[in-house]
Amino acid sequence: MSKLPIISASQMGKILNHLGFALIRQKGSHAYFHHPDGRATVVPFHKGEDLGRGLIRAILRDIDLSLEEYARLRRKL
């Protein structure tokens, strides 16, 4: 598989909203997203910076989303 595509925090927020996650609070630059089934994750919104590959993998692990699903949603949105 090729390298994991890098996206911005706002793009990750759109993916999370599409999957049914809701922004429950934000403290500083860190946004906390929660899903009704109990999954949750934190996305850092730092102006002018994209999310790193390691952070994207950690978020995908938190929300139980495969790399293939992530790639499909990224292209769709």
PDB file of N, CA and C in Angstrom:
ATOM      1  N   MET A   1       0.834  -1.173   0.000  1.00  0.00           N
ATOM      2  CA  MET A   1       0.000   0.000   0.000  1.00  0.00           C
ATOM      3  C   MET A   1       0.878   1.235   0.000  1.00  0.00           C
ATOM      4  N   SER A   2       0.409   2.276  -0.657  1.00  0.00           N
ATOM      5  CA  SER A   2       1.181   3.509  -0.711  1.00  0.00           C
ATOM      6  C   SER A   2       1.096   4.248   0.622  1.00  0.00           C
ATOM      7  N   LYS A   3       1.792   5.352   0.713  1.00  0.00           N
ATOM      8  CA  LYS A   3       1.796   6.126   1.948  1.00  0.00           C
ATOM      9  C   LYS A   3       0.394   6.628   2.276  1.00  0.00           C
ATOM     10  N   LEU A   4       0.150   6.783   3.541  1.00  0.00           N
ATOM     11  CA  LEU A   4      -1.129   7.282   4.027  1.00  0.00           C
ATOM     12  C   LEU A   4      -1.283   8.747   3.617  1.00  0.00           C
ATOM     13  N   PRO A   5      -2.375   9.104   2.933  1.00  0.00           N
ATOM     14  CA  PRO A   5      -2.561  10.499   2.523  1.00  0.00           C
ATOM     15  C   PRO A   5      -2.744  11.421   3.733  1.00  0.00           C
ATOM     16  N   ILE A   6      -2.096  12.550   3.687  1.00  0.00           N
ATOM     17  CA  ILE A   6      -2.181  13.538   4.762  1.00  0.00           C
ATOM     18  C   ILE A   6      -3.335  14.491   4.465  1.00  0.00           C
ATOM     19  N   ILE A   7      -4.080  14.857   5.517  1.00  0.00           N
ATOM     20  CA  ILE A   7      -5.180  15.798   5.373  1.00  0.00           C
ATOM     21  C   ILE A   7      -5.101  16.843   6.486  1.00  0.00           C
ATOM     22  N   SER A   8      -5.916  17.868   6.351  1.00  0.00           N
ATOM     23  CA  SER A   8      -5.973  18.896   7.391  1.00  0.00           C
ATOM     24  C   SER A   8      -6.944  18.462   8.484  1.00  0.00           C
ATOM     25  N   ALA A   9      -6.913  19.167   9.588  1.00  0.00           N
ATOM     26  CA  ALA A   9      -7.804  18.856  10.698  1.00  0.00           C
ATOM     27  C   ALA A   9      -9.258  19.102  10.311  1.00  0.00           C
ATOM     28  N   SER A  10      -9.518  20.131   9.515  1.00  0.00           N
ATOM     29  CA  SER A  10     -10.903  20.397   9.107  1.00  0.00           C
ATOM     30  C   SER A  10     -11.435  19.289   8.209  1.00  0.00           C
ATOM     31  N   GLN A  11     -10.596  18.724   7.349  1.00  0.00           N
ATOM     32  CA  GLN A  11     -11.019  17.590   6.525  1.00  0.00           C
ATOM     33  C   GLN A  11     -11.317  16.378   7.396  1.00  0.00           C
ATOM     34  N   MET A  12     -10.519  16.143   8.425  1.00  0.00           N
ATOM     35  CA  MET A  12     -10.776  15.039   9.351  1.00  0.00           C
ATOM     36  C   MET A  12     -12.084  15.280  10.090  1.00  0.00           C
ATOM     37  N   GLY A  13     -12.350  16.522  10.461  1.00  0.00           N
ATOM     38  CA  GLY A  13     -13.610  16.857  11.109  1.00  0.00           C
ATOM     39  C   GLY A  13     -14.802  16.549  10.220  1.00  0.00           C
ATOM     40  N   LYS A  14     -14.684  16.827   8.923  1.00  0.00           N
ATOM     41  CA  LYS A  14     -15.764  16.512   7.974  1.00  0.00           C
ATOM     42  C   LYS A  14     -15.982  15.007   7.884  1.00  0.00           C
ATOM     43  N   ILE A  15     -14.901  14.239   7.857  1.00  0.00           N
ATOM     44  CA  ILE A  15     -15.014  12.776   7.806  1.00  0.00           C
ATOM     45  C   ILE A  15     -15.706  12.270   9.067  1.00  0.00           C
ATOM     46  N   LEU A  16     -15.299  12.791  10.222  1.00  0.00           N
ATOM     47  CA  LEU A  16     -15.901  12.362  11.483  1.00  0.00           C
ATOM     48  C   LEU A  16     -17.382  12.713  11.535  1.00  0.00           C
ATOM     49  N   ASN A  17     -17.745  13.919  11.087  1.00  0.00           N
ATOM     50  CA  ASN A  17     -19.160  14.302  11.051  1.00  0.00           C
ATOM     51  C   ASN A  17     -19.947  13.393  10.125  1.00  0.00           C
ATOM     52  N   HIS A  18     -19.374  13.052   8.983  1.00  0.00           N
ATOM     53  CA  HIS A  18     -20.032  12.154   8.027  1.00  0.00           C
ATOM     54  C   HIS A  18     -20.279  10.773   8.645  1.00  0.00           C
ATOM     55  N   LEU A  19     -19.377  10.333   9.514  1.00  0.00           N
ATOM     56  CA  LEU A  19     -19.507   9.029  10.158  1.00  0.00           C
ATOM     57  C   LEU A  19     -20.433   9.053  11.375  1.00  0.00           C
ATOM     58  N   GLY A  20     -20.962  10.223  11.737  1.00  0.00           N
ATOM     59  CA  GLY A  20     -21.901  10.313  12.849  1.00  0.00           C
ATOM     60  C   GLY A  20     -21.298  10.805  14.148  1.00  0.00           C
ATOM     61  N   PHE A  21     -20.052  11.262  14.121  1.00  0.00           N
ATOM     62  CA  PHE A  21     -19.417  11.809  15.311  1.00  0.00           C
ATOM     63  C   PHE A  21     -19.872  13.247  15.503  1.00  0.00           C
ATOM     64  N   ALA A  22     -20.002  13.661  16.737  1.00  0.00           N
ATOM     65  CA  ALA A  22     -20.396  15.031  17.048  1.00  0.00           C
ATOM     66  C   ALA A  22     -19.287  15.706  17.849  1.00  0.00           C
ATOM     67  N   LEU A  23     -19.083  16.977  17.565  1.00  0.00           N
ATOM     68  CA  LEU A  23     -18.120  17.769  18.325  1.00  0.00           C
ATOM     69  C   LEU A  23     -18.755  18.061  19.676  1.00  0.00           C
ATOM     70  N   ILE A  24     -18.169  17.504  20.744  1.00  0.00           N
ATOM     71  CA  ILE A  24     -18.783  17.700  22.055  1.00  0.00           C
ATOM     72  C   ILE A  24     -18.174  18.861  22.818  1.00  0.00           C
ATOM     73  N   ARG A  25     -16.900  19.132  22.583  1.00  0.00           N
ATOM     74  CA  ARG A  25     -16.286  20.293  23.213  1.00  0.00           C
ATOM     75  C   ARG A  25     -14.950  20.574  22.527  1.00  0.00           C
ATOM     76  N   GLN A  26     -14.448  21.768  22.780  1.00  0.00           N
ATOM     77  CA  GLN A  26     -13.135  22.130  22.277  1.00  0.00           C
ATOM     78  C   GLN A  26     -12.424  22.911  23.363  1.00  0.00           C
ATOM     79  N   LYS A  27     -11.224  22.486  23.666  1.00  0.00           N
ATOM     80  CA  LYS A  27     -10.406  23.182  24.660  1.00  0.00           C
ATOM     81  C   LYS A  27      -9.137  23.626  23.952  1.00  0.00           C
ATOM     82  N   GLY A  28      -9.015  24.911  23.754  1.00  0.00           N
ATOM     83  CA  GLY A  28      -7.882  25.422  22.994  1.00  0.00           C
ATOM     84  C   GLY A  28      -7.993  24.982  21.550  1.00  0.00           C
ATOM     85  N   SER A  29      -6.960  24.332  21.063  1.00  0.00           N
ATOM     86  CA  SER A  29      -6.959  23.901  19.667  1.00  0.00           C
ATOM     87  C   SER A  29      -7.364  22.435  19.515  1.00  0.00           C
ATOM     88  N   HIS A  30      -7.758  21.775  20.605  1.00  0.00           N
ATOM     89  CA  HIS A  30      -8.091  20.358  20.550  1.00  0.00           C
ATOM     90  C   HIS A  30      -9.602  20.153  20.602  1.00  0.00           C
ATOM     91  N   ALA A  31     -10.131  19.524  19.537  1.00  0.00           N
ATOM     92  CA  ALA A  31     -11.565  19.269  19.427  1.00  0.00           C
ATOM     93  C   ALA A  31     -11.844  17.818  19.803  1.00  0.00           C
ATOM     94  N   TYR A  32     -12.834  17.615  20.656  1.00  0.00           N
ATOM     95  CA  TYR A  32     -13.212  16.287  21.135  1.00  0.00           C
ATOM     96  C   TYR A  32     -14.467  15.840  20.407  1.00  0.00           C
ATOM     97  N   PHE A  33     -14.368  14.717  19.695  1.00  0.00           N
ATOM     98  CA  PHE A  33     -15.490  14.166  18.944  1.00  0.00           C
ATOM     99  C   PHE A  33     -15.966  12.887  19.617  1.00  0.00           C
ATOM    100  N   HIS A  34     -17.293  12.700  19.654  1.00  0.00           N
ATOM    101  CA  HIS A  34     -17.880  11.523  20.294  1.00  0.00           C
ATOM    102  C   HIS A  34     -18.960  10.946  19.390  1.00  0.00           C
ATOM    103  N   HIS A  35     -19.054   9.620  19.363  1.00  0.00           N
ATOM    104  CA  HIS A  35     -20.068   8.905  18.582  1.00  0.00           C
ATOM    105  C   HIS A  35     -21.079   8.306  19.554  1.00  0.00           C
ATOM    106  N   PRO A  36     -22.357   8.193  19.166  1.00  0.00           N
ATOM    107  CA  PRO A  36     -23.362   7.614  20.068  1.00  0.00           C
ATOM    108  C   PRO A  36     -23.037   6.204  20.565  1.00  0.00           C
ATOM    109  N   ASP A  37     -22.245   5.443  19.808  1.00  0.00           N
ATOM    110  CA  ASP A  37     -21.911   4.073  20.233  1.00  0.00           C
ATOM    111  C   ASP A  37     -20.743   4.023  21.223  1.00  0.00           C
ATOM    112  N   GLY A  38     -20.193   5.178  21.590  1.00  0.00           N
ATOM    113  CA  GLY A  38     -19.150   5.220  22.612  1.00  0.00           C
ATOM    114  C   GLY A  38     -17.749   5.526  22.114  1.00  0.00           C
ATOM    115  N   ARG A  39     -17.516   5.460  20.821  1.00  0.00           N
ATOM    116  CA  ARG A  39     -16.192   5.785  20.296  1.00  0.00           C
ATOM    117  C   ARG A  39     -15.931   7.281  20.436  1.00  0.00           C
ATOM    118  N   ALA A  40     -14.686   7.635  20.664  1.00  0.00           N
ATOM    119  CA  ALA A  40     -14.324   9.048  20.820  1.00  0.00           C
ATOM    120  C   ALA A  40     -12.893   9.263  20.365  1.00  0.00           C
ATOM    121  N   THR A  41     -12.597  10.490  19.962  1.00  0.00           N
ATOM    122  CA  THR A  41     -11.244  10.839  19.562  1.00  0.00           C
ATOM    123  C   THR A  41     -11.031  12.338  19.721  1.00  0.00           C
ATOM    124  N   VAL A  42      -9.772  12.743  19.653  1.00  0.00           N
ATOM    125  CA  VAL A  42      -9.388  14.149  19.758  1.00  0.00           C
ATOM    126  C   VAL A  42      -8.643  14.520  18.482  1.00  0.00           C
ATOM    127  N   VAL A  43      -8.996  15.679  17.911  1.00  0.00           N
ATOM    128  CA  VAL A  43      -8.322  16.169  16.713  1.00  0.00           C
ATOM    129  C   VAL A  43      -7.742  17.547  17.019  1.00  0.00           C
ATOM    130  N   PRO A  44      -6.428  17.723  16.872  1.00  0.00           N
ATOM    131  CA  PRO A  44      -5.831  19.037  17.104  1.00  0.00           C
ATOM    132  C   PRO A  44      -6.011  19.941  15.884  1.00  0.00           C
ATOM    133  N   PHE A  45      -6.579  21.112  16.089  1.00  0.00           N
ATOM    134  CA  PHE A  45      -6.777  22.093  15.023  1.00  0.00           C
ATOM    135  C   PHE A  45      -5.728  23.187  15.171  1.00  0.00           C
ATOM    136  N   HIS A  46      -4.555  22.976  14.571  1.00  0.00           N
ATOM    137  CA  HIS A  46      -3.478  23.966  14.597  1.00  0.00           C
ATOM    138  C   HIS A  46      -3.437  24.667  13.253  1.00  0.00           C
ATOM    139  N   LYS A  47      -3.594  25.956  13.284  1.00  0.00           N
ATOM    140  CA  LYS A  47      -3.682  26.747  12.055  1.00  0.00           C
ATOM    141  C   LYS A  47      -2.444  26.568  11.178  1.00  0.00           C
ATOM    142  N   GLY A  48      -2.686  26.279   9.913  1.00  0.00           N
ATOM    143  CA  GLY A  48      -1.598  26.153   8.952  1.00  0.00           C
ATOM    144  C   GLY A  48      -0.869  24.823   8.978  1.00  0.00           C
ATOM    145  N   GLU A  49      -1.316  23.871   9.809  1.00  0.00           N
ATOM    146  CA  GLU A  49      -0.637  22.578   9.901  1.00  0.00           C
ATOM    147  C   GLU A  49      -1.587  21.448   9.525  1.00  0.00           C
ATOM    148  N   ASP A  50      -1.058  20.470   8.807  1.00  0.00           N
ATOM    149  CA  ASP A  50      -1.801  19.255   8.504  1.00  0.00           C
ATOM    150  C   ASP A  50      -1.560  18.232   9.598  1.00  0.00           C
ATOM    151  N   LEU A  51      -2.414  17.223   9.636  1.00  0.00           N
ATOM    152  CA  LEU A  51      -2.237  16.132  10.588  1.00  0.00           C
ATOM    153  C   LEU A  51      -1.137  15.209  10.082  1.00  0.00           C
ATOM    154  N   GLY A  52      -0.274  14.766  10.948  1.00  0.00           N
ATOM    155  CA  GLY A  52       0.789  13.842  10.561  1.00  0.00           C
ATOM    156  C   GLY A  52       0.245  12.431  10.359  1.00  0.00           C
ATOM    157  N   ARG A  53       1.007  11.619   9.675  1.00  0.00           N
ATOM    158  CA  ARG A  53       0.574  10.240   9.389  1.00  0.00           C
ATOM    159  C   ARG A  53       0.328   9.434  10.666  1.00  0.00           C
ATOM    160  N   GLY A  54       1.204   9.603  11.652  1.00  0.00           N
ATOM    161  CA  GLY A  54       1.045   8.876  12.913  1.00  0.00           C
ATOM    162  C   GLY A  54      -0.216   9.287  13.642  1.00  0.00           C
ATOM    163  N   LEU A  55      -0.518  10.580  13.637  1.00  0.00           N
ATOM    164  CA  LEU A  55      -1.726  11.071  14.289  1.00  0.00           C
ATOM    165  C   LEU A  55      -2.975  10.586  13.555  1.00  0.00           C
ATOM    166  N   ILE A  56      -2.937  10.583  12.231  1.00  0.00           N
ATOM    167  CA  ILE A  56      -4.074  10.077  11.459  1.00  0.00           C
ATOM    168  C   ILE A  56      -4.315   8.604  11.791  1.00  0.00           C
ATOM    169  N   ARG A  57      -3.247   7.814  11.860  1.00  0.00           N
ATOM    170  CA  ARG A  57      -3.391   6.396  12.221  1.00  0.00           C
ATOM    171  C   ARG A  57      -3.987   6.239  13.620  1.00  0.00           C
ATOM    172  N   ALA A  58      -3.562   7.080  14.557  1.00  0.00           N
ATOM    173  CA  ALA A  58      -4.096   7.009  15.920  1.00  0.00           C
ATOM    174  C   ALA A  58      -5.583   7.348  15.942  1.00  0.00           C
ATOM    175  N   ILE A  59      -5.985   8.363  15.185  1.00  0.00           N
ATOM    176  CA  ILE A  59      -7.399   8.728  15.111  1.00  0.00           C
ATOM    177  C   ILE A  59      -8.200   7.596  14.480  1.00  0.00           C
ATOM    178  N   LEU A  60      -7.683   6.993  13.409  1.00  0.00           N
ATOM    179  CA  LEU A  60      -8.379   5.886  12.757  1.00  0.00           C
ATOM    180  C   LEU A  60      -8.521   4.696  13.700  1.00  0.00           C
ATOM    181  N   ARG A  61      -7.499   4.447  14.519  1.00  0.00           N
ATOM    182  CA  ARG A  61      -7.587   3.381  15.528  1.00  0.00           C
ATOM    183  C   ARG A  61      -8.662   3.708  16.566  1.00  0.00           C
ATOM    184  N   ASP A  62      -8.705   4.967  16.998  1.00  0.00           N
ATOM    185  CA  ASP A  62      -9.698   5.385  17.987  1.00  0.00           C
ATOM    186  C   ASP A  62     -11.124   5.177  17.493  1.00  0.00           C
ATOM    187  N   ILE A  63     -11.349   5.425  16.209  1.00  0.00           N
ATOM    188  CA  ILE A  63     -12.710   5.350  15.680  1.00  0.00           C
ATOM    189  C   ILE A  63     -12.996   4.032  14.963  1.00  0.00           C
ATOM    190  N   ASP A  64     -12.059   3.090  15.030  1.00  0.00           N
ATOM    191  CA  ASP A  64     -12.216   1.766  14.398  1.00  0.00           C
ATOM    192  C   ASP A  64     -12.528   1.863  12.909  1.00  0.00           C
ATOM    193  N   LEU A  65     -11.716   2.622  12.181  1.00  0.00           N
ATOM    194  CA  LEU A  65     -11.893   2.798  10.744  1.00  0.00           C
ATOM    195  C   LEU A  65     -10.660   2.249  10.036  1.00  0.00           C
ATOM    196  N   SER A  66     -10.872   1.430   9.025  1.00  0.00           N
ATOM    197  CA  SER A  66      -9.754   0.840   8.283  1.00  0.00           C
ATOM    198  C   SER A  66      -9.131   1.881   7.354  1.00  0.00           C
ATOM    199  N   LEU A  67      -7.915   1.601   6.922  1.00  0.00           N
ATOM    200  CA  LEU A  67      -7.229   2.508   5.997  1.00  0.00           C
ATOM    201  C   LEU A  67      -7.968   2.603   4.666  1.00  0.00           C
ATOM    202  N   GLU A  68      -8.580   1.496   4.231  1.00  0.00           N
ATOM    203  CA  GLU A  68      -9.330   1.489   2.975  1.00  0.00           C
ATOM    204  C   GLU A  68     -10.576   2.374   3.081  1.00  0.00           C
ATOM    205  N   GLU A  69     -11.282   2.264   4.211  1.00  0.00           N
ATOM    206  CA  GLU A  69     -12.464   3.100   4.433  1.00  0.00           C
ATOM    207  C   GLU A  69     -12.067   4.575   4.491  1.00  0.00           C
ATOM    208  N   TYR A  70     -10.959   4.850   5.154  1.00  0.00           N
ATOM    209  CA  TYR A  70     -10.460   6.227   5.251  1.00  0.00           C
ATOM    210  C   TYR A  70     -10.166   6.778   3.864  1.00  0.00           C
ATOM    211  N   ALA A  71      -9.478   6.005   3.039  1.00  0.00           N
ATOM    212  CA  ALA A  71      -9.140   6.455   1.691  1.00  0.00           C
ATOM    213  C   ALA A  71     -10.401   6.704   0.863  1.00  0.00           C
ATOM    214  N   ARG A  72     -11.389   5.826   1.007  1.00  0.00           N
ATOM    215  CA  ARG A  72     -12.644   5.991   0.252  1.00  0.00           C
ATOM    216  C   ARG A  72     -13.378   7.251   0.695  1.00  0.00           C
ATOM    217  N   LEU A  73     -13.470   7.472   2.008  1.00  0.00           N
ATOM    218  CA  LEU A  73     -14.155   8.658   2.524  1.00  0.00           C
ATOM    219  C   LEU A  73     -13.400   9.933   2.156  1.00  0.00           C
ATOM    220  N   ARG A  74     -12.092   9.876   2.180  1.00  0.00           N
ATOM    221  CA  ARG A  74     -11.279  11.043   1.846  1.00  0.00           C
ATOM    222  C   ARG A  74     -11.529  11.478   0.406  1.00  0.00           C
ATOM    223  N   ARG A  75     -11.637  10.514  -0.493  1.00  0.00           N
ATOM    224  CA  ARG A  75     -11.908  10.836  -1.912  1.00  0.00           C
ATOM    225  C   ARG A  75     -13.340  11.339  -2.087  1.00  0.00           C
ATOM    226  N   LYS A  76     -14.261  10.777  -1.298  1.00  0.00           N
ATOM    227  CA  LYS A  76     -15.682  11.110  -1.431  1.00  0.00           C
ATOM    228  C   LYS A  76     -15.972  12.527  -0.946  1.00  0.00           C
ATOM    229  N   LEU A  77     -15.339  12.924   0.154  1.00  0.00           N
ATOM    230  CA  LEU A  77     -15.618  14.234   0.740  1.00  0.00           C
ATOM    231  C   LEU A  77     -14.608  15.187   0.268  1.00  0.00           C
TER     232      LEU A  77
END
